[in-house]
Amino acid sequence: MAEFVKVASTEGIAPGSGIVAEVNGKSLAIFNVDGTFYAIDNTCLHKGGPLGEGDLAGDVVTCPWHGWEYDVKTGISVNNPSARVTTYPIVVEGADIKVEV
């Protein structure tokens, strides 16, 4: 059964940036887009690059390995719209960012 698990604090992710978080054996990328937080799988579908270490421009993250881009809100690849990484629901409770896994 899915549950919400704390992955970070709001102060730990500046607007326009992301982090990598390990949750229940999954590697997730957590992003702050103008104060709204999003979670996607950390692994790029192209060659497995770490999306949480990529550059965020607006709501699109660029994989640091080969430049594939993903919309962090939907998980859809800008390069190949038929490809999609999993997205995860987030709730913010006070300063705690929690992801449903």
C-alpha atoms as a PDB file:
ATOM      1  CA  MET A   1       0.000   0.000   0.000  1.00  0.00           C
ATOM      2  CA  ALA A   2       1.326   3.440  -0.922  1.00  0.00           C
ATOM      3  CA  GLU A   3       2.291   5.904   1.780  1.00  0.00           C
ATOM      4  CA  PHE A   4       3.699   9.429   1.938  1.00  0.00           C
ATOM      5  CA  VAL A   5       7.344   9.459   3.033  1.00  0.00           C
ATOM      6  CA  LYS A   6       9.379  12.559   3.940  1.00  0.00           C
ATOM      7  CA  VAL A   7      12.152  13.095   1.383  1.00  0.00           C
ATOM      8  CA  ALA A   8      13.379  16.641   2.053  1.00  0.00           C
ATOM      9  CA  SER A   9      12.540  19.998   3.556  1.00  0.00           C
ATOM     10  CA  THR A  10      11.344  22.956   1.536  1.00  0.00           C
ATOM     11  CA  GLU A  11      14.422  24.938   2.587  1.00  0.00           C
ATOM     12  CA  GLY A  12      16.670  22.233   1.104  1.00  0.00           C
ATOM     13  CA  ILE A  13      15.544  22.677  -2.503  1.00  0.00           C
ATOM     14  CA  ALA A  14      15.870  26.187  -3.906  1.00  0.00           C
ATOM     15  CA  PRO A  15      13.490  27.331  -6.655  1.00  0.00           C
ATOM     16  CA  GLY A  16      14.791  26.207 -10.045  1.00  0.00           C
ATOM     17  CA  SER A  17      16.769  23.282  -8.647  1.00  0.00           C
ATOM     18  CA  GLY A  18      16.448  19.610  -7.820  1.00  0.00           C
ATOM     19  CA  ILE A  19      17.850  16.898  -5.604  1.00  0.00           C
ATOM     20  CA  VAL A  20      18.136  13.112  -5.633  1.00  0.00           C
ATOM     21  CA  ALA A  21      16.342  11.215  -2.857  1.00  0.00           C
ATOM     22  CA  GLU A  22      16.322   7.498  -2.094  1.00  0.00           C
ATOM     23  CA  VAL A  23      12.892   6.332  -0.930  1.00  0.00           C
ATOM     24  CA  ASN A  24      11.951   2.732  -0.196  1.00  0.00           C
ATOM     25  CA  GLY A  25      14.601   1.451  -2.611  1.00  0.00           C
ATOM     26  CA  LYS A  26      13.689   3.905  -5.384  1.00  0.00           C
ATOM     27  CA  SER A  27      15.861   6.736  -6.648  1.00  0.00           C
ATOM     28  CA  LEU A  28      13.717   9.845  -7.168  1.00  0.00           C
ATOM     29  CA  ALA A  29      14.423  13.322  -8.487  1.00  0.00           C
ATOM     30  CA  ILE A  30      12.639  16.082  -6.556  1.00  0.00           C
ATOM     31  CA  PHE A  31      12.316  19.529  -8.168  1.00  0.00           C
ATOM     32  CA  ASN A  32      11.200  22.985  -7.028  1.00  0.00           C
ATOM     33  CA  VAL A  33       9.434  24.866  -9.831  1.00  0.00           C
ATOM     34  CA  ASP A  34       8.611  28.330  -8.498  1.00  0.00           C
ATOM     35  CA  GLY A  35       7.683  26.964  -5.071  1.00  0.00           C
ATOM     36  CA  THR A  36       5.766  23.910  -6.304  1.00  0.00           C
ATOM     37  CA  PHE A  37       7.479  20.548  -5.838  1.00  0.00           C
ATOM     38  CA  TYR A  38       7.495  17.616  -8.266  1.00  0.00           C
ATOM     39  CA  ALA A  39       8.897  14.083  -8.067  1.00  0.00           C
ATOM     40  CA  ILE A  40       9.906  11.831 -10.956  1.00  0.00           C
ATOM     41  CA  ASP A  41      12.061   8.741 -11.387  1.00  0.00           C
ATOM     42  CA  ASN A  42      15.710   9.767 -11.214  1.00  0.00           C
ATOM     43  CA  THR A  43      16.746   7.524 -14.118  1.00  0.00           C
ATOM     44  CA  CYS A  44      16.738   8.892 -17.687  1.00  0.00           C
ATOM     45  CA  LEU A  45      15.156   6.494 -20.156  1.00  0.00           C
ATOM     46  CA  HIS A  46      17.870   7.161 -22.751  1.00  0.00           C
ATOM     47  CA  LYS A  47      21.025   5.870 -21.022  1.00  0.00           C
ATOM     48  CA  GLY A  48      20.176   5.901 -17.303  1.00  0.00           C
ATOM     49  CA  GLY A  49      21.522   9.347 -16.397  1.00  0.00           C
ATOM     50  CA  PRO A  50      20.642  10.940 -13.024  1.00  0.00           C
ATOM     51  CA  LEU A  51      17.842  13.421 -13.752  1.00  0.00           C
ATOM     52  CA  GLY A  52      18.032  14.942 -10.270  1.00  0.00           C
ATOM     53  CA  GLU A  53      21.524  16.191 -11.120  1.00  0.00           C
ATOM     54  CA  GLY A  54      20.343  17.857 -14.345  1.00  0.00           C
ATOM     55  CA  ASP A  55      19.671  21.514 -15.057  1.00  0.00           C
ATOM     56  CA  LEU A  56      16.098  22.726 -14.541  1.00  0.00           C
ATOM     57  CA  ALA A  57      14.734  25.435 -16.845  1.00  0.00           C
ATOM     58  CA  GLY A  58      11.118  26.267 -16.062  1.00  0.00           C
ATOM     59  CA  ASP A  59       9.483  22.872 -15.694  1.00  0.00           C
ATOM     60  CA  VAL A  60      11.935  20.975 -17.943  1.00  0.00           C
ATOM     61  CA  VAL A  61      14.964  19.095 -16.619  1.00  0.00           C
ATOM     62  CA  THR A  62      17.868  18.207 -18.907  1.00  0.00           C
ATOM     63  CA  CYS A  63      19.681  14.944 -18.256  1.00  0.00           C
ATOM     64  CA  PRO A  64      23.345  15.732 -17.525  1.00  0.00           C
ATOM     65  CA  TRP A  65      24.618  12.761 -19.548  1.00  0.00           C
ATOM     66  CA  HIS A  66      23.160  13.163 -23.056  1.00  0.00           C
ATOM     67  CA  GLY A  67      20.743  16.089 -22.943  1.00  0.00           C
ATOM     68  CA  TRP A  68      17.392  14.331 -22.973  1.00  0.00           C
ATOM     69  CA  GLU A  69      14.719  16.643 -21.558  1.00  0.00           C
ATOM     70  CA  TYR A  70      11.695  15.811 -19.408  1.00  0.00           C
ATOM     71  CA  ASP A  71       8.717  17.823 -18.203  1.00  0.00           C
ATOM     72  CA  VAL A  72       8.907  17.372 -14.416  1.00  0.00           C
ATOM     73  CA  LYS A  73       5.141  17.887 -14.084  1.00  0.00           C
ATOM     74  CA  THR A  74       4.162  15.045 -16.444  1.00  0.00           C
ATOM     75  CA  GLY A  75       7.328  12.939 -16.802  1.00  0.00           C
ATOM     76  CA  ILE A  76       7.010  13.124 -20.598  1.00  0.00           C
ATOM     77  CA  SER A  77      10.217  13.345 -22.615  1.00  0.00           C
ATOM     78  CA  VAL A  78      10.513  16.467 -24.751  1.00  0.00           C
ATOM     79  CA  ASN A  79      12.800  14.530 -27.132  1.00  0.00           C
ATOM     80  CA  ASN A  80      10.492  11.541 -27.502  1.00  0.00           C
ATOM     81  CA  PRO A  81       6.888  12.211 -26.369  1.00  0.00           C
ATOM     82  CA  SER A  82       6.134   8.474 -26.348  1.00  0.00           C
ATOM     83  CA  ALA A  83       8.691   8.069 -23.530  1.00  0.00           C
ATOM     84  CA  ARG A  84       7.724   8.928 -19.978  1.00  0.00           C
ATOM     85  CA  VAL A  85       9.331   8.550 -16.559  1.00  0.00           C
ATOM     86  CA  THR A  86       7.078   7.826 -13.601  1.00  0.00           C
ATOM     87  CA  THR A  87       5.809  10.805 -11.619  1.00  0.00           C
ATOM     88  CA  TYR A  88       4.939  10.624  -7.922  1.00  0.00           C
ATOM     89  CA  PRO A  89       2.391  12.624  -5.908  1.00  0.00           C
ATOM     90  CA  ILE A  90       3.857  15.105  -3.425  1.00  0.00           C
ATOM     91  CA  VAL A  91       2.388  16.831  -0.392  1.00  0.00           C
ATOM     92  CA  VAL A  92       4.023  19.602   1.580  1.00  0.00           C
ATOM     93  CA  GLU A  93       3.246  19.612   5.304  1.00  0.00           C
ATOM     94  CA  GLY A  94       4.848  22.598   6.984  1.00  0.00           C
ATOM     95  CA  ALA A  95       8.463  22.432   5.800  1.00  0.00           C
ATOM     96  CA  ASP A  96       8.319  18.682   5.037  1.00  0.00           C
ATOM     97  CA  ILE A  97       8.180  17.448   1.446  1.00  0.00           C
ATOM     98  CA  LYS A  98       6.550  14.015   1.302  1.00  0.00           C
ATOM     99  CA  VAL A  99       6.331  11.713  -1.702  1.00  0.00           C
ATOM    100  CA  GLU A 100       3.802   8.920  -2.182  1.00  0.00           C
ATOM    101  CA  VAL A 101       5.594   5.640  -2.848  1.00  0.00           C
END
